[in-house]
Each structure stands twice: as C-alpha cells, then as structure tokens.
C-alpha cells in the first residue's frame, strides 16, 4: 500500500498500434509516441494491422491513416476493429478528409498535417477516459 503522501502508483504504459504506410511519417510519429510514454507496435498497412490484432499482443488503441495500399484501408480497418474489439479505442488520421465519413467508428479524428504534441495530449485524454 502506498502512503497517502507517497508517490502515485505507476500505471502500465498503454500500447498503440500505429498503422501508417508512409515510412517517415510512421517512424517520426512512433518516436514521438514512445517519448510520450506509450508502447508502440507498427504496421505499414491494414493487412499487417489485422495480423497484429489477431495475435496475442495486448493493445489499447489503434491509430490508423485512412488511405493506405493493400486490401484493407483505414476506414475498413476501423470498422473491423470496432466489430472484433469493441472496447478498442480508434484514432483515424487523414490528409484528405476533414472528418470521418458517417458510420465510420472513430474515437478521435486527426487532420494531417497535425501538431504532434496537442495530438498526443488528445490521445492521452482519450485513453484515460477523459475524452478529447
């Protein structure tokens, strides 16, 4: 038990699955998320993301670009995540859309180019249950 005036218990870092086909964007964003205290798994497209989701790896949030090559784009990935893992938080990112299309599940939508620090703060609030 932690004394009333002692340090707050350290919570387990949240794990984010970052799905982004642009390598440089993915690497920079992954580094920023790691610096913010998150664990990060990376996927270059929706197909890779689904393989990771179906593994035994614990994830707290899927952060995905909307437009990606492969058989599953970000919108389809978001729908599959919501159907298969209903408690999973979903963040969509797009440089082409200003908002998610109606019916596409997203707990947070980020328009590219976005400011990294405010976006990470929104993700922290989302994962803590405070909303965005």
N, C-alpha and C. Protein backbone atom coordinates (compact mmCIF):
# COMPACT_ATOMS: atom_id res chain seq x y z
N UNK A 1 0.84 -1.18 0.00
CA UNK A 1 0.00 0.00 0.00
C UNK A 1 0.89 1.24 0.00
N UNK A 2 0.51 2.23 -0.78
CA UNK A 2 1.27 3.48 -0.89
C UNK A 2 0.77 4.45 0.16
N UNK A 3 1.67 5.04 0.94
CA UNK A 3 1.24 6.03 1.92
C UNK A 3 0.53 7.20 1.25
N UNK A 4 -0.36 7.86 2.00
CA UNK A 4 -1.14 8.97 1.46
C UNK A 4 -0.26 10.08 0.90
N UNK A 5 0.91 10.29 1.49
CA UNK A 5 1.77 11.36 0.99
C UNK A 5 2.88 10.83 0.09
N UNK A 6 2.83 9.53 -0.25
CA UNK A 6 3.86 8.92 -1.10
C UNK A 6 3.55 9.12 -2.57
N UNK A 7 4.42 8.60 -3.41
CA UNK A 7 4.22 8.76 -4.85
C UNK A 7 3.00 7.98 -5.34
N UNK A 8 2.40 8.49 -6.40
CA UNK A 8 1.26 7.81 -7.00
C UNK A 8 1.75 6.53 -7.67
N UNK A 9 0.94 5.49 -7.65
CA UNK A 9 1.36 4.25 -8.30
C UNK A 9 1.60 4.48 -9.79
N UNK A 10 2.59 3.80 -10.32
CA UNK A 10 2.91 3.91 -11.74
C UNK A 10 1.99 2.97 -12.50
N UNK A 11 1.28 3.52 -13.47
CA UNK A 11 0.39 2.66 -14.26
C UNK A 11 1.17 2.07 -15.43
N UNK A 12 0.68 0.97 -15.90
CA UNK A 12 1.29 0.28 -17.03
C UNK A 12 1.14 1.14 -18.28
N UNK A 13 2.20 1.28 -19.08
CA UNK A 13 2.09 2.09 -20.30
C UNK A 13 1.04 1.50 -21.25
N UNK A 14 0.31 2.36 -21.92
CA UNK A 14 -0.68 1.94 -22.90
C UNK A 14 0.04 1.57 -24.20
N UNK A 15 -0.53 0.62 -24.93
CA UNK A 15 0.07 0.16 -26.18
C UNK A 15 -0.78 0.61 -27.36
N UNK A 16 -0.12 1.25 -28.32
CA UNK A 16 -0.76 1.79 -29.51
C UNK A 16 -0.28 1.01 -30.72
N UNK A 17 -1.22 0.61 -31.56
CA UNK A 17 -0.89 0.05 -32.87
C UNK A 17 -0.97 1.19 -33.86
N UNK A 18 0.16 1.58 -34.40
CA UNK A 18 0.27 2.69 -35.34
C UNK A 18 0.29 2.11 -36.76
N UNK A 19 -0.70 2.48 -37.56
CA UNK A 19 -0.83 1.95 -38.92
C UNK A 19 -0.70 3.12 -39.89
N UNK A 20 0.43 3.15 -40.60
CA UNK A 20 0.75 4.28 -41.50
C UNK A 20 1.65 3.74 -42.60
N UNK A 21 1.25 3.96 -43.86
CA UNK A 21 2.03 3.44 -44.98
C UNK A 21 3.23 4.31 -45.33
N UNK A 22 3.22 5.58 -44.97
CA UNK A 22 4.36 6.47 -45.24
C UNK A 22 5.41 6.23 -44.16
N UNK A 23 6.53 5.63 -44.54
CA UNK A 23 7.54 5.18 -43.58
C UNK A 23 8.05 6.32 -42.70
N UNK A 24 8.41 7.45 -43.29
CA UNK A 24 8.96 8.54 -42.48
C UNK A 24 7.95 9.09 -41.49
N UNK A 25 6.72 9.23 -41.92
CA UNK A 25 5.67 9.70 -41.01
C UNK A 25 5.50 8.70 -39.87
N UNK A 26 5.46 7.40 -40.22
CA UNK A 26 5.28 6.36 -39.19
C UNK A 26 6.43 6.37 -38.19
N UNK A 27 7.66 6.49 -38.68
CA UNK A 27 8.82 6.47 -37.77
C UNK A 27 8.84 7.68 -36.85
N UNK A 28 8.56 8.86 -37.39
CA UNK A 28 8.55 10.08 -36.57
C UNK A 28 7.43 10.01 -35.53
N UNK A 29 6.25 9.61 -35.95
CA UNK A 29 5.12 9.53 -35.03
C UNK A 29 5.36 8.47 -33.97
N UNK A 30 5.92 7.33 -34.36
CA UNK A 30 6.23 6.27 -33.39
C UNK A 30 7.21 6.78 -32.34
N UNK A 31 8.22 7.50 -32.78
CA UNK A 31 9.22 8.04 -31.85
C UNK A 31 8.58 9.03 -30.88
N UNK A 32 7.70 9.87 -31.38
CA UNK A 32 7.00 10.83 -30.51
C UNK A 32 6.11 10.11 -29.50
N UNK A 33 5.42 9.08 -29.93
CA UNK A 33 4.57 8.31 -29.02
C UNK A 33 5.40 7.59 -27.96
N UNK A 34 6.53 7.03 -28.37
CA UNK A 34 7.44 6.39 -27.41
C UNK A 34 7.94 7.40 -26.39
N UNK A 35 8.34 8.58 -26.87
CA UNK A 35 8.81 9.64 -25.97
C UNK A 35 7.73 10.08 -24.99
N UNK A 36 6.46 9.95 -25.40
CA UNK A 36 5.34 10.33 -24.54
C UNK A 36 4.99 9.23 -23.54
N UNK A 37 5.69 8.09 -23.61
CA UNK A 37 5.47 7.03 -22.63
C UNK A 37 4.62 5.87 -23.09
N UNK A 38 4.25 5.85 -24.36
CA UNK A 38 3.45 4.74 -24.88
C UNK A 38 4.35 3.63 -25.38
N UNK A 39 3.79 2.43 -25.42
CA UNK A 39 4.40 1.33 -26.16
C UNK A 39 3.81 1.44 -27.57
N UNK A 40 4.60 1.12 -28.58
CA UNK A 40 4.13 1.27 -29.96
C UNK A 40 4.44 0.02 -30.76
N UNK A 41 3.42 -0.49 -31.42
CA UNK A 41 3.57 -1.53 -32.44
C UNK A 41 3.29 -0.84 -33.76
N UNK A 42 4.00 -1.22 -34.80
CA UNK A 42 3.85 -0.55 -36.09
C UNK A 42 3.39 -1.51 -37.17
N UNK A 43 2.56 -1.00 -38.08
CA UNK A 43 2.12 -1.74 -39.26
C UNK A 43 2.11 -0.78 -40.44
N UNK A 44 2.50 -1.28 -41.60
CA UNK A 44 2.58 -0.45 -42.80
C UNK A 44 1.26 -0.39 -43.57
N UNK A 45 0.31 -1.25 -43.21
CA UNK A 45 -0.98 -1.23 -43.89
C UNK A 45 -2.02 -1.97 -43.05
N UNK A 46 -3.25 -1.96 -43.52
CA UNK A 46 -4.34 -2.58 -42.78
C UNK A 46 -4.20 -4.08 -42.64
N UNK A 47 -3.63 -4.73 -43.66
CA UNK A 47 -3.46 -6.18 -43.61
C UNK A 47 -2.49 -6.56 -42.48
N UNK A 48 -1.37 -5.85 -42.39
CA UNK A 48 -0.42 -6.10 -41.29
C UNK A 48 -1.07 -5.81 -39.94
N UNK A 49 -1.86 -4.75 -39.88
CA UNK A 49 -2.52 -4.38 -38.63
C UNK A 49 -3.45 -5.49 -38.16
N UNK A 50 -4.21 -6.08 -39.08
CA UNK A 50 -5.12 -7.16 -38.70
C UNK A 50 -4.37 -8.38 -38.19
N UNK A 51 -3.21 -8.66 -38.78
CA UNK A 51 -2.39 -9.77 -38.28
C UNK A 51 -1.96 -9.52 -36.84
N UNK A 52 -1.56 -8.29 -36.54
CA UNK A 52 -1.14 -7.94 -35.18
C UNK A 52 -2.33 -8.01 -34.23
N UNK A 53 -3.48 -7.48 -34.67
CA UNK A 53 -4.68 -7.50 -33.83
C UNK A 53 -5.10 -8.93 -33.49
N UNK A 54 -4.92 -9.85 -34.42
CA UNK A 54 -5.34 -11.23 -34.21
C UNK A 54 -4.32 -12.04 -33.42
N UNK A 55 -3.17 -11.45 -33.13
CA UNK A 55 -2.16 -12.13 -32.31
C UNK A 55 -2.54 -11.97 -30.84
N UNK A 56 -1.71 -12.44 -29.98
CA UNK A 56 -2.00 -12.35 -28.55
C UNK A 56 -1.46 -11.07 -27.90
N UNK A 57 -1.02 -10.14 -28.71
CA UNK A 57 -0.47 -8.88 -28.20
C UNK A 57 -1.59 -8.01 -27.65
N UNK A 58 -1.41 -7.48 -26.44
CA UNK A 58 -2.40 -6.57 -25.86
C UNK A 58 -2.24 -5.19 -26.48
N UNK A 59 -3.34 -4.63 -26.94
CA UNK A 59 -3.36 -3.28 -27.50
C UNK A 59 -4.46 -2.47 -26.83
N UNK A 60 -4.21 -1.18 -26.68
CA UNK A 60 -5.21 -0.29 -26.09
C UNK A 60 -5.87 0.62 -27.12
N UNK A 61 -5.16 0.86 -28.23
CA UNK A 61 -5.64 1.84 -29.20
C UNK A 61 -5.05 1.52 -30.56
N UNK A 62 -5.87 1.71 -31.61
CA UNK A 62 -5.40 1.60 -32.98
C UNK A 62 -5.43 3.01 -33.57
N UNK A 63 -4.29 3.43 -34.09
CA UNK A 63 -4.15 4.75 -34.70
C UNK A 63 -3.81 4.52 -36.16
N UNK A 64 -4.73 4.84 -37.07
CA UNK A 64 -4.54 4.47 -38.46
C UNK A 64 -4.79 5.61 -39.44
N UNK A 65 -3.96 5.62 -40.47
CA UNK A 65 -4.18 6.50 -41.61
C UNK A 65 -5.42 5.99 -42.34
N UNK A 66 -6.09 6.87 -43.07
CA UNK A 66 -7.29 6.46 -43.80
C UNK A 66 -6.91 5.82 -45.12
N UNK A 67 -6.09 6.49 -45.92
CA UNK A 67 -5.72 5.97 -47.24
C UNK A 67 -4.43 5.18 -47.14
N UNK A 68 -4.53 3.90 -47.48
CA UNK A 68 -3.36 3.02 -47.46
C UNK A 68 -3.50 1.98 -48.55
N UNK A 69 -2.37 1.50 -49.06
CA UNK A 69 -2.43 0.41 -50.05
C UNK A 69 -2.80 -0.90 -49.36
N UNK A 70 -3.13 -1.89 -50.17
CA UNK A 70 -3.48 -3.19 -49.62
C UNK A 70 -4.97 -3.45 -49.73
N UNK A 71 -5.40 -4.54 -49.19
CA UNK A 71 -6.82 -4.91 -49.31
C UNK A 71 -7.69 -4.27 -48.23
N UNK A 72 -7.07 -3.63 -47.22
CA UNK A 72 -7.83 -3.02 -46.13
C UNK A 72 -7.32 -1.60 -45.92
N UNK A 73 -8.17 -0.61 -46.19
CA UNK A 73 -7.76 0.77 -45.91
C UNK A 73 -8.12 1.12 -44.46
N UNK A 74 -7.83 2.33 -44.04
CA UNK A 74 -8.06 2.72 -42.65
C UNK A 74 -9.51 2.72 -42.23
N UNK A 75 -10.41 3.08 -43.15
CA UNK A 75 -11.83 3.07 -42.82
C UNK A 75 -12.33 1.65 -42.61
N UNK A 76 -11.91 0.75 -43.48
CA UNK A 76 -12.29 -0.66 -43.33
C UNK A 76 -11.67 -1.26 -42.07
N UNK A 77 -10.42 -0.87 -41.80
CA UNK A 77 -9.76 -1.35 -40.59
C UNK A 77 -10.51 -0.89 -39.34
N UNK A 78 -10.91 0.37 -39.32
CA UNK A 78 -11.66 0.89 -38.17
C UNK A 78 -12.95 0.10 -37.96
N UNK A 79 -13.66 -0.20 -39.05
CA UNK A 79 -14.91 -0.96 -38.93
C UNK A 79 -14.63 -2.37 -38.40
N UNK A 80 -13.55 -3.00 -38.87
CA UNK A 80 -13.23 -4.35 -38.40
C UNK A 80 -12.77 -4.34 -36.94
N UNK A 81 -12.04 -3.30 -36.56
CA UNK A 81 -11.62 -3.18 -35.16
C UNK A 81 -12.83 -3.03 -34.26
N UNK A 82 -13.75 -2.16 -34.63
CA UNK A 82 -14.94 -1.94 -33.80
C UNK A 82 -15.77 -3.21 -33.69
N UNK A 83 -15.87 -3.97 -34.78
CA UNK A 83 -16.65 -5.21 -34.76
C UNK A 83 -15.97 -6.30 -33.95
N UNK A 84 -14.65 -6.43 -34.07
CA UNK A 84 -13.94 -7.52 -33.41
C UNK A 84 -13.43 -7.21 -32.02
N UNK A 85 -13.16 -5.94 -31.76
CA UNK A 85 -12.61 -5.49 -30.48
C UNK A 85 -13.37 -4.22 -30.07
N UNK A 86 -14.62 -4.35 -29.66
CA UNK A 86 -15.48 -3.18 -29.43
C UNK A 86 -14.97 -2.19 -28.39
N UNK A 87 -14.13 -2.64 -27.46
CA UNK A 87 -13.62 -1.73 -26.42
C UNK A 87 -12.37 -0.97 -26.87
N UNK A 88 -11.78 -1.37 -28.01
CA UNK A 88 -10.56 -0.75 -28.50
C UNK A 88 -10.83 0.68 -28.95
N UNK A 89 -9.98 1.58 -28.52
CA UNK A 89 -10.07 2.97 -28.96
C UNK A 89 -9.50 3.07 -30.38
N UNK A 90 -10.11 3.93 -31.20
CA UNK A 90 -9.70 4.09 -32.60
C UNK A 90 -9.45 5.56 -32.89
N UNK A 91 -8.26 5.83 -33.44
CA UNK A 91 -7.91 7.17 -33.90
C UNK A 91 -7.67 7.08 -35.40
N UNK A 92 -8.41 7.88 -36.16
CA UNK A 92 -8.22 7.96 -37.60
C UNK A 92 -7.43 9.22 -37.93
N UNK A 93 -6.54 9.10 -38.94
CA UNK A 93 -5.74 10.24 -39.39
C UNK A 93 -5.91 10.37 -40.90
N UNK A 94 -6.05 11.60 -41.39
CA UNK A 94 -6.19 11.78 -42.83
C UNK A 94 -5.69 13.15 -43.27
N UNK A 95 -5.06 13.15 -44.41
CA UNK A 95 -4.67 14.39 -45.06
C UNK A 95 -5.64 14.73 -46.18
N UNK A 96 -6.66 13.87 -46.38
CA UNK A 96 -7.60 14.05 -47.47
C UNK A 96 -9.02 14.33 -47.00
N UNK A 97 -9.35 13.90 -45.81
CA UNK A 97 -10.69 14.11 -45.27
C UNK A 97 -10.62 15.10 -44.11
N UNK A 98 -11.69 15.83 -43.91
CA UNK A 98 -11.75 16.77 -42.78
C UNK A 98 -12.50 16.17 -41.59
N UNK A 99 -13.19 15.06 -41.83
CA UNK A 99 -13.93 14.36 -40.77
C UNK A 99 -14.16 12.94 -41.25
N UNK A 100 -14.38 12.01 -40.34
CA UNK A 100 -14.66 10.64 -40.80
C UNK A 100 -16.03 10.59 -41.48
N UNK A 101 -16.17 9.75 -42.50
CA UNK A 101 -17.49 9.60 -43.13
C UNK A 101 -18.50 9.08 -42.12
N UNK A 102 -19.78 9.38 -42.33
CA UNK A 102 -20.81 8.89 -41.41
C UNK A 102 -20.75 7.36 -41.27
N UNK A 103 -20.91 6.90 -40.05
CA UNK A 103 -20.94 5.47 -39.79
C UNK A 103 -19.59 4.83 -39.55
N UNK A 104 -18.50 5.57 -39.80
CA UNK A 104 -17.16 5.01 -39.56
C UNK A 104 -16.80 5.25 -38.11
N UNK A 105 -16.49 4.19 -37.37
CA UNK A 105 -16.19 4.37 -35.95
C UNK A 105 -14.83 5.03 -35.74
N UNK A 106 -14.84 6.09 -34.97
CA UNK A 106 -13.58 6.75 -34.60
C UNK A 106 -13.81 7.46 -33.28
N UNK A 107 -12.91 7.23 -32.33
CA UNK A 107 -12.99 7.95 -31.06
C UNK A 107 -12.32 9.31 -31.16
N UNK A 108 -11.43 9.43 -32.15
CA UNK A 108 -10.70 10.68 -32.37
C UNK A 108 -10.33 10.73 -33.84
N UNK A 109 -10.44 11.91 -34.45
CA UNK A 109 -10.06 12.10 -35.85
C UNK A 109 -9.04 13.22 -35.91
N UNK A 110 -7.89 12.94 -36.53
CA UNK A 110 -6.82 13.92 -36.66
C UNK A 110 -6.63 14.25 -38.14
N UNK A 111 -6.65 15.55 -38.46
CA UNK A 111 -6.43 16.00 -39.83
C UNK A 111 -4.96 16.30 -40.00
N UNK A 112 -4.35 15.72 -41.04
CA UNK A 112 -2.93 15.97 -41.34
C UNK A 112 -2.83 17.26 -42.14
N UNK A 113 -1.80 18.02 -42.01
CA UNK A 113 -0.75 17.83 -41.01
C UNK A 113 -1.27 18.26 -39.65
N UNK A 114 -0.93 17.50 -38.64
CA UNK A 114 -1.38 17.79 -37.30
C UNK A 114 -0.18 18.14 -36.44
N UNK A 115 -0.46 18.84 -35.36
CA UNK A 115 0.59 19.17 -34.41
C UNK A 115 0.76 17.99 -33.48
N UNK A 116 1.98 17.50 -33.38
CA UNK A 116 2.25 16.26 -32.64
C UNK A 116 1.86 16.37 -31.16
N UNK A 117 2.36 17.37 -30.46
CA UNK A 117 2.15 17.46 -29.01
C UNK A 117 0.66 17.57 -28.66
N UNK A 118 -0.10 18.50 -29.26
CA UNK A 118 -1.53 18.54 -28.93
C UNK A 118 -2.26 17.23 -29.29
N UNK A 119 -1.84 16.59 -30.38
CA UNK A 119 -2.47 15.33 -30.76
C UNK A 119 -2.19 14.24 -29.74
N UNK A 120 -0.97 14.17 -29.26
CA UNK A 120 -0.63 13.18 -28.24
C UNK A 120 -1.39 13.46 -26.95
N UNK A 121 -1.57 14.72 -26.60
CA UNK A 121 -2.35 15.06 -25.41
C UNK A 121 -3.80 14.59 -25.56
N UNK A 122 -4.36 14.72 -26.77
CA UNK A 122 -5.72 14.23 -27.01
C UNK A 122 -5.78 12.71 -26.85
N UNK A 123 -4.76 12.02 -27.34
CA UNK A 123 -4.71 10.56 -27.21
C UNK A 123 -4.60 10.16 -25.74
N UNK A 124 -3.79 10.88 -24.97
CA UNK A 124 -3.68 10.59 -23.54
C UNK A 124 -5.02 10.75 -22.84
N UNK A 125 -5.75 11.83 -23.17
CA UNK A 125 -7.06 12.05 -22.55
C UNK A 125 -8.04 10.96 -22.96
N UNK A 126 -8.00 10.55 -24.23
CA UNK A 126 -8.87 9.50 -24.71
C UNK A 126 -8.62 8.19 -23.95
N UNK A 127 -7.37 7.84 -23.79
CA UNK A 127 -7.03 6.58 -23.10
C UNK A 127 -7.27 6.65 -21.60
N UNK A 128 -7.27 7.83 -21.05
CA UNK A 128 -7.52 7.96 -19.61
C UNK A 128 -9.01 8.03 -19.29
N UNK A 129 -9.82 8.12 -20.35
CA UNK A 129 -11.26 8.20 -20.14
C UNK A 129 -11.78 9.61 -19.99
N UNK A 130 -10.90 10.59 -20.17
CA UNK A 130 -11.31 11.98 -20.02
C UNK A 130 -11.96 12.54 -21.28
N UNK A 131 -11.93 11.80 -22.38
CA UNK A 131 -12.45 12.30 -23.64
C UNK A 131 -11.41 13.14 -24.35
N UNK A 132 -11.82 13.83 -25.40
CA UNK A 132 -10.88 14.65 -26.17
C UNK A 132 -11.32 16.07 -26.07
